[in-house]
Amino acid sequence: MKKARKPAATFASEAEERAYWERTDSAEHLDWSRAKPARAPNLQPSKTAISLRLPVSLLDEIKIAANKRTCPTNR
């Protein structure tokens, strides 16, 4: 026998919804056993340029670690 699910709640604002889901288990509303993985191949990661001031020695260590992981770095 399937467990009865709670009906979907309605919210006046996104903040109210966020607070609700922080304190509520989603399993009360959704049947996670029927969930399937989703793919969104057209999503692009957001990119924002930032400026960091780092000691040269730390920057060199970061570049070495990136090269070990075959991550490209701007030189």
PDB file of N, CA and C in Angstrom:
ATOM      1  N   MET A   1       0.834  -1.178   0.000  1.00  0.00           N
ATOM      2  CA  MET A   1       0.000   0.000   0.000  1.00  0.00           C
ATOM      3  C   MET A   1       0.879   1.242   0.000  1.00  0.00           C
ATOM      4  N   LYS A   2       0.546   2.202  -0.841  1.00  0.00           N
ATOM      5  CA  LYS A   2       1.340   3.413  -0.946  1.00  0.00           C
ATOM      6  C   LYS A   2       1.043   4.354   0.212  1.00  0.00           C
ATOM      7  N   LYS A   3       2.067   5.021   0.661  1.00  0.00           N
ATOM      8  CA  LYS A   3       1.928   5.997   1.726  1.00  0.00           C
ATOM      9  C   LYS A   3       1.307   7.271   1.153  1.00  0.00           C
ATOM     10  N   ALA A   4       0.341   7.820   1.841  1.00  0.00           N
ATOM     11  CA  ALA A   4      -0.316   9.049   1.375  1.00  0.00           C
ATOM     12  C   ALA A   4       0.655  10.217   1.477  1.00  0.00           C
ATOM     13  N   ARG A   5       0.689  11.027   0.450  1.00  0.00           N
ATOM     14  CA  ARG A   5       1.578  12.180   0.413  1.00  0.00           C
ATOM     15  C   ARG A   5       0.823  13.443   0.798  1.00  0.00           C
ATOM     16  N   LYS A   6       1.537  14.380   1.405  1.00  0.00           N
ATOM     17  CA  LYS A   6       0.934  15.665   1.745  1.00  0.00           C
ATOM     18  C   LYS A   6       0.744  16.474   0.464  1.00  0.00           C
ATOM     19  N   PRO A   7      -0.293  17.287   0.401  1.00  0.00           N
ATOM     20  CA  PRO A   7      -0.469  18.123  -0.793  1.00  0.00           C
ATOM     21  C   PRO A   7       0.608  19.209  -0.851  1.00  0.00           C
ATOM     22  N   ALA A   8       0.849  19.722  -2.057  1.00  0.00           N
ATOM     23  CA  ALA A   8       1.852  20.772  -2.241  1.00  0.00           C
ATOM     24  C   ALA A   8       1.415  22.037  -1.514  1.00  0.00           C
ATOM     25  N   ALA A   9       2.349  22.670  -0.845  1.00  0.00           N
ATOM     26  CA  ALA A   9       2.064  23.908  -0.120  1.00  0.00           C
ATOM     27  C   ALA A   9       2.161  25.100  -1.067  1.00  0.00           C
ATOM     28  N   THR A  10       1.513  26.187  -0.703  1.00  0.00           N
ATOM     29  CA  THR A  10       1.624  27.428  -1.467  1.00  0.00           C
ATOM     30  C   THR A  10       2.319  28.455  -0.591  1.00  0.00           C
ATOM     31  N   PHE A  11       3.077  29.327  -1.231  1.00  0.00           N
ATOM     32  CA  PHE A  11       3.893  30.288  -0.502  1.00  0.00           C
ATOM     33  C   PHE A  11       3.680  31.689  -1.050  1.00  0.00           C
ATOM     34  N   ALA A  12       3.793  32.669  -0.167  1.00  0.00           N
ATOM     35  CA  ALA A  12       3.628  34.065  -0.569  1.00  0.00           C
ATOM     36  C   ALA A  12       4.917  34.624  -1.156  1.00  0.00           C
ATOM     37  N   SER A  13       6.056  34.045  -0.772  1.00  0.00           N
ATOM     38  CA  SER A  13       7.339  34.557  -1.269  1.00  0.00           C
ATOM     39  C   SER A  13       8.352  33.425  -1.336  1.00  0.00           C
ATOM     40  N   GLU A  14       9.431  33.688  -2.053  1.00  0.00           N
ATOM     41  CA  GLU A  14      10.501  32.700  -2.154  1.00  0.00           C
ATOM     42  C   GLU A  14      11.155  32.480  -0.804  1.00  0.00           C
ATOM     43  N   ALA A  15      11.281  33.533  -0.015  1.00  0.00           N
ATOM     44  CA  ALA A  15      11.891  33.412   1.313  1.00  0.00           C
ATOM     45  C   ALA A  15      11.056  32.496   2.208  1.00  0.00           C
ATOM     46  N   GLU A  16       9.737  32.614   2.121  1.00  0.00           N
ATOM     47  CA  GLU A  16       8.852  31.755   2.900  1.00  0.00           C
ATOM     48  C   GLU A  16       8.999  30.294   2.459  1.00  0.00           C
ATOM     49  N   GLU A  17       9.090  30.079   1.156  1.00  0.00           N
ATOM     50  CA  GLU A  17       9.272  28.730   0.634  1.00  0.00           C
ATOM     51  C   GLU A  17      10.612  28.151   1.076  1.00  0.00           C
ATOM     52  N   ARG A  18      11.659  28.963   1.009  1.00  0.00           N
ATOM     53  CA  ARG A  18      12.986  28.500   1.423  1.00  0.00           C
ATOM     54  C   ARG A  18      12.975  28.090   2.894  1.00  0.00           C
ATOM     55  N   ALA A  19      12.359  28.907   3.746  1.00  0.00           N
ATOM     56  CA  ALA A  19      12.288  28.590   5.173  1.00  0.00           C
ATOM     57  C   ALA A  19      11.509  27.297   5.398  1.00  0.00           C
ATOM     58  N   TYR A  20      10.441  27.099   4.636  1.00  0.00           N
ATOM     59  CA  TYR A  20       9.636  25.885   4.760  1.00  0.00           C
ATOM     60  C   TYR A  20      10.463  24.645   4.438  1.00  0.00           C
ATOM     61  N   TRP A  21      11.182  24.670   3.316  1.00  0.00           N
ATOM     62  CA  TRP A  21      11.939  23.479   2.918  1.00  0.00           C
ATOM     63  C   TRP A  21      13.157  23.250   3.796  1.00  0.00           C
ATOM     64  N   GLU A  22      13.636  24.277   4.482  1.00  0.00           N
ATOM     65  CA  GLU A  22      14.758  24.084   5.410  1.00  0.00           C
ATOM     66  C   GLU A  22      14.333  23.266   6.620  1.00  0.00           C
ATOM     67  N   ARG A  23      13.059  23.358   7.005  1.00  0.00           N
ATOM     68  CA  ARG A  23      12.594  22.651   8.202  1.00  0.00           C
ATOM     69  C   ARG A  23      11.719  21.430   7.893  1.00  0.00           C
ATOM     70  N   THR A  24      11.431  21.158   6.612  1.00  0.00           N
ATOM     71  CA  THR A  24      10.524  20.081   6.236  1.00  0.00           C
ATOM     72  C   THR A  24      11.245  19.045   5.382  1.00  0.00           C
ATOM     73  N   ASP A  25      10.954  17.789   5.641  1.00  0.00           N
ATOM     74  CA  ASP A  25      11.515  16.691   4.850  1.00  0.00           C
ATOM     75  C   ASP A  25      10.706  16.554   3.559  1.00  0.00           C
ATOM     76  N   SER A  26      11.375  16.621   2.410  1.00  0.00           N
ATOM     77  CA  SER A  26      10.677  16.544   1.127  1.00  0.00           C
ATOM     78  C   SER A  26      10.059  15.172   0.885  1.00  0.00           C
ATOM     79  N   ALA A  27      10.491  14.147   1.606  1.00  0.00           N
ATOM     80  CA  ALA A  27       9.932  12.807   1.427  1.00  0.00           C
ATOM     81  C   ALA A  27       8.462  12.759   1.839  1.00  0.00           C
ATOM     82  N   GLU A  28       8.013  13.738   2.635  1.00  0.00           N
ATOM     83  CA  GLU A  28       6.604  13.795   3.010  1.00  0.00           C
ATOM     84  C   GLU A  28       5.739  14.211   1.820  1.00  0.00           C
ATOM     85  N   HIS A  29       6.344  14.851   0.828  1.00  0.00           N
ATOM     86  CA  HIS A  29       5.607  15.384  -0.312  1.00  0.00           C
ATOM     87  C   HIS A  29       5.901  14.639  -1.618  1.00  0.00           C
ATOM     88  N   LEU A  30       7.068  14.025  -1.722  1.00  0.00           N
ATOM     89  CA  LEU A  30       7.491  13.397  -2.971  1.00  0.00           C
ATOM     90  C   LEU A  30       7.816  11.924  -2.752  1.00  0.00           C
ATOM     91  N   ASP A  31       7.622  11.139  -3.776  1.00  0.00           N
ATOM     92  CA  ASP A  31       8.005   9.733  -3.741  1.00  0.00           C
ATOM     93  C   ASP A  31       9.364   9.613  -4.427  1.00  0.00           C
ATOM     94  N   TRP A  32      10.427   9.695  -3.633  1.00  0.00           N
ATOM     95  CA  TRP A  32      11.775   9.711  -4.186  1.00  0.00           C
ATOM     96  C   TRP A  32      12.163   8.369  -4.800  1.00  0.00           C
ATOM     97  N   SER A  33      11.431   7.295  -4.509  1.00  0.00           N
ATOM     98  CA  SER A  33      11.772   6.004  -5.111  1.00  0.00           C
ATOM     99  C   SER A  33      11.475   6.010  -6.610  1.00  0.00           C
ATOM    100  N   ARG A  34      10.617   6.914  -7.075  1.00  0.00           N
ATOM    101  CA  ARG A  34      10.291   7.012  -8.500  1.00  0.00           C
ATOM    102  C   ARG A  34      11.099   8.106  -9.202  1.00  0.00           C
ATOM    103  N   ALA A  35      11.997   8.754  -8.482  1.00  0.00           N
ATOM    104  CA  ALA A  35      12.789   9.843  -9.067  1.00  0.00           C
ATOM    105  C   ALA A  35      13.766   9.295 -10.107  1.00  0.00           C
ATOM    106  N   LYS A  36      14.005  10.092 -11.137  1.00  0.00           N
ATOM    107  CA  LYS A  36      14.954   9.731 -12.193  1.00  0.00           C
ATOM    108  C   LYS A  36      15.974  10.849 -12.333  1.00  0.00           C
ATOM    109  N   PRO A  37      17.216  10.510 -12.681  1.00  0.00           N
ATOM    110  CA  PRO A  37      18.225  11.554 -12.880  1.00  0.00           C
ATOM    111  C   PRO A  37      17.810  12.475 -14.039  1.00  0.00           C
ATOM    112  N   ALA A  38      18.102  13.739 -13.887  1.00  0.00           N
ATOM    113  CA  ALA A  38      17.777  14.711 -14.936  1.00  0.00           C
ATOM    114  C   ALA A  38      19.075  15.241 -15.531  1.00  0.00           C
ATOM    115  N   ARG A  39      19.022  15.568 -16.806  1.00  0.00           N
ATOM    116  CA  ARG A  39      20.188  16.138 -17.484  1.00  0.00           C
ATOM    117  C   ARG A  39      19.784  17.474 -18.083  1.00  0.00           C
ATOM    118  N   ALA A  40      20.666  18.437 -17.977  1.00  0.00           N
ATOM    119  CA  ALA A  40      20.440  19.754 -18.566  1.00  0.00           C
ATOM    120  C   ALA A  40      21.712  20.121 -19.346  1.00  0.00           C
ATOM    121  N   PRO A  41      21.883  19.549 -20.539  1.00  0.00           N
ATOM    122  CA  PRO A  41      23.142  19.711 -21.263  1.00  0.00           C
ATOM    123  C   PRO A  41      23.391  21.133 -21.773  1.00  0.00           C
ATOM    124  N   ASN A  42      22.360  21.959 -21.865  1.00  0.00           N
ATOM    125  CA  ASN A  42      22.554  23.305 -22.409  1.00  0.00           C
ATOM    126  C   ASN A  42      22.843  24.361 -21.351  1.00  0.00           C
ATOM    127  N   LEU A  43      22.930  23.959 -20.090  1.00  0.00           N
ATOM    128  CA  LEU A  43      23.235  24.934 -19.041  1.00  0.00           C
ATOM    129  C   LEU A  43      24.708  25.314 -19.095  1.00  0.00           C
ATOM    130  N   GLN A  44      24.969  26.572 -18.936  1.00  0.00           N
ATOM    131  CA  GLN A  44      26.337  27.070 -18.896  1.00  0.00           C
ATOM    132  C   GLN A  44      26.629  27.560 -17.486  1.00  0.00           C
ATOM    133  N   PRO A  45      27.805  27.253 -16.942  1.00  0.00           N
ATOM    134  CA  PRO A  45      28.131  27.762 -15.616  1.00  0.00           C
ATOM    135  C   PRO A  45      28.262  29.282 -15.661  1.00  0.00           C
ATOM    136  N   SER A  46      27.826  29.913 -14.601  1.00  0.00           N
ATOM    137  CA  SER A  46      27.954  31.375 -14.572  1.00  0.00           C
ATOM    138  C   SER A  46      29.424  31.725 -14.376  1.00  0.00           C
ATOM    139  N   LYS A  47      29.831  32.773 -15.018  1.00  0.00           N
ATOM    140  CA  LYS A  47      31.231  33.191 -14.950  1.00  0.00           C
ATOM    141  C   LYS A  47      31.279  34.650 -14.537  1.00  0.00           C
ATOM    142  N   THR A  48      32.054  34.922 -13.504  1.00  0.00           N
ATOM    143  CA  THR A  48      32.252  36.274 -13.026  1.00  0.00           C
ATOM    144  C   THR A  48      33.738  36.462 -12.782  1.00  0.00           C
ATOM    145  N   ALA A  49      34.274  37.521 -13.326  1.00  0.00           N
ATOM    146  CA  ALA A  49      35.688  37.804 -13.120  1.00  0.00           C
ATOM    147  C   ALA A  49      35.873  38.444 -11.743  1.00  0.00           C
ATOM    148  N   ILE A  50      36.866  37.944 -11.009  1.00  0.00           N
ATOM    149  CA  ILE A  50      37.192  38.521  -9.715  1.00  0.00           C
ATOM    150  C   ILE A  50      38.689  38.773  -9.670  1.00  0.00           C
ATOM    151  N   SER A  51      39.075  39.643  -8.799  1.00  0.00           N
ATOM    152  CA  SER A  51      40.489  39.954  -8.637  1.00  0.00           C
ATOM    153  C   SER A  51      40.908  39.563  -7.228  1.00  0.00           C
ATOM    154  N   LEU A  52      41.960  38.743  -7.145  1.00  0.00           N
ATOM    155  CA  LEU A  52      42.486  38.315  -5.853  1.00  0.00           C
ATOM    156  C   LEU A  52      43.939  38.730  -5.740  1.00  0.00           C
ATOM    157  N   ARG A  53      44.289  39.192  -4.597  1.00  0.00           N
ATOM    158  CA  ARG A  53      45.699  39.492  -4.326  1.00  0.00           C
ATOM    159  C   ARG A  53      46.259  38.359  -3.480  1.00  0.00           C
ATOM    160  N   LEU A  54      47.180  37.605  -4.089  1.00  0.00           N
ATOM    161  CA  LEU A  54      47.765  36.449  -3.425  1.00  0.00           C
ATOM    162  C   LEU A  54      49.278  36.588  -3.410  1.00  0.00           C
ATOM    163  N   PRO A  55      49.916  36.046  -2.383  1.00  0.00           N
ATOM    164  CA  PRO A  55      51.376  36.010  -2.400  1.00  0.00           C
ATOM    165  C   PRO A  55      51.844  35.185  -3.603  1.00  0.00           C
ATOM    166  N   VAL A  56      52.949  35.579  -4.195  1.00  0.00           N
ATOM    167  CA  VAL A  56      53.475  34.906  -5.381  1.00  0.00           C
ATOM    168  C   VAL A  56      53.714  33.426  -5.105  1.00  0.00           C
ATOM    169  N   SER A  57      54.203  33.098  -3.930  1.00  0.00           N
ATOM    170  CA  SER A  57      54.477  31.689  -3.611  1.00  0.00           C
ATOM    171  C   SER A  57      53.182  30.866  -3.611  1.00  0.00           C
ATOM    172  N   LEU A  58      52.099  31.421  -3.083  1.00  0.00           N
ATOM    173  CA  LEU A  58      50.829  30.708  -3.089  1.00  0.00           C
ATOM    174  C   LEU A  58      50.298  30.558  -4.504  1.00  0.00           C
ATOM    175  N   LEU A  59      50.430  31.603  -5.306  1.00  0.00           N
ATOM    176  CA  LEU A  59      49.997  31.542  -6.697  1.00  0.00           C
ATOM    177  C   LEU A  59      50.774  30.468  -7.457  1.00  0.00           C
ATOM    178  N   ASP A  60      52.063  30.375  -7.221  1.00  0.00           N
ATOM    179  CA  ASP A  60      52.866  29.329  -7.859  1.00  0.00           C
ATOM    180  C   ASP A  60      52.398  27.934  -7.441  1.00  0.00           C
ATOM    181  N   GLU A  61      52.067  27.749  -6.158  1.00  0.00           N
ATOM    182  CA  GLU A  61      51.578  26.459  -5.684  1.00  0.00           C
ATOM    183  C   GLU A  61      50.248  26.101  -6.348  1.00  0.00           C
ATOM    184  N   ILE A  62      49.391  27.079  -6.511  1.00  0.00           N
ATOM    185  CA  ILE A  62      48.097  26.850  -7.157  1.00  0.00           C
ATOM    186  C   ILE A  62      48.298  26.428  -8.609  1.00  0.00           C
ATOM    187  N   LYS A  63      49.204  27.106  -9.312  1.00  0.00           N
ATOM    188  CA  LYS A  63      49.476  26.762 -10.710  1.00  0.00           C
ATOM    189  C   LYS A  63      50.045  25.351 -10.836  1.00  0.00           C
ATOM    190  N   ILE A  64      50.925  24.977  -9.926  1.00  0.00           N
ATOM    191  CA  ILE A  64      51.508  23.630  -9.949  1.00  0.00           C
ATOM    192  C   ILE A  64      50.423  22.590  -9.720  1.00  0.00           C
ATOM    193  N   ALA A  65      49.543  22.830  -8.739  1.00  0.00           N
ATOM    194  CA  ALA A  65      48.451  21.891  -8.457  1.00  0.00           C
ATOM    195  C   ALA A  65      47.506  21.790  -9.657  1.00  0.00           C
ATOM    196  N   ALA A  66      47.227  22.912 -10.304  1.00  0.00           N
ATOM    197  CA  ALA A  66      46.338  22.900 -11.475  1.00  0.00           C
ATOM    198  C   ALA A  66      46.971  22.113 -12.612  1.00  0.00           C
ATOM    199  N   ASN A  67      48.259  22.286 -12.825  1.00  0.00           N
ATOM    200  CA  ASN A  67      48.948  21.550 -13.893  1.00  0.00           C
ATOM    201  C   ASN A  67      48.956  20.052 -13.610  1.00  0.00           C
ATOM    202  N   LYS A  68      49.066  19.664 -12.340  1.00  0.00           N
ATOM    203  CA  LYS A  68      49.020  18.246 -11.989  1.00  0.00           C
ATOM    204  C   LYS A  68      47.662  17.659 -12.309  1.00  0.00           C
ATOM    205  N   ARG A  69      46.620  18.483 -12.204  1.00  0.00           N
ATOM    206  CA  ARG A  69      45.251  18.025 -12.489  1.00  0.00           C
ATOM    207  C   ARG A  69      44.863  18.323 -13.936  1.00  0.00           C
ATOM    208  N   THR A  70      45.807  18.729 -14.727  1.00  0.00           N
ATOM    209  CA  THR A  70      45.627  19.113 -16.130  1.00  0.00           C
ATOM    210  C   THR A  70      44.539  20.165 -16.310  1.00  0.00           C
ATOM    211  N   CYS A  71      44.495  21.127 -15.391  1.00  0.00           N
ATOM    212  CA  CYS A  71      43.588  22.270 -15.523  1.00  0.00           C
ATOM    213  C   CYS A  71      44.361  23.411 -16.186  1.00  0.00           C
ATOM    214  N   PRO A  72      43.818  24.001 -17.218  1.00  0.00           N
ATOM    215  CA  PRO A  72      44.539  25.111 -17.840  1.00  0.00           C
ATOM    216  C   PRO A  72      44.549  26.337 -16.936  1.00  0.00           C
ATOM    217  N   THR A  73      45.666  27.042 -16.949  1.00  0.00           N
ATOM    218  CA  THR A  73      45.777  28.300 -16.210  1.00  0.00           C
ATOM    219  C   THR A  73      46.279  29.365 -17.161  1.00  0.00           C
ATOM    220  N   ASN A  74      45.852  30.573 -16.961  1.00  0.00           N
ATOM    221  CA  ASN A  74      46.383  31.685 -17.760  1.00  0.00           C
ATOM    222  C   ASN A  74      47.758  32.016 -17.247  1.00  0.00           C
ATOM    223  N   ARG A  75      48.682  32.133 -18.143  1.00  0.00           N
ATOM    224  CA  ARG A  75      50.065  32.417 -17.727  1.00  0.00           C
ATOM    225  C   ARG A  75      50.415  33.838 -17.987  1.00  0.00           C
TER     226      ARG A  75
END
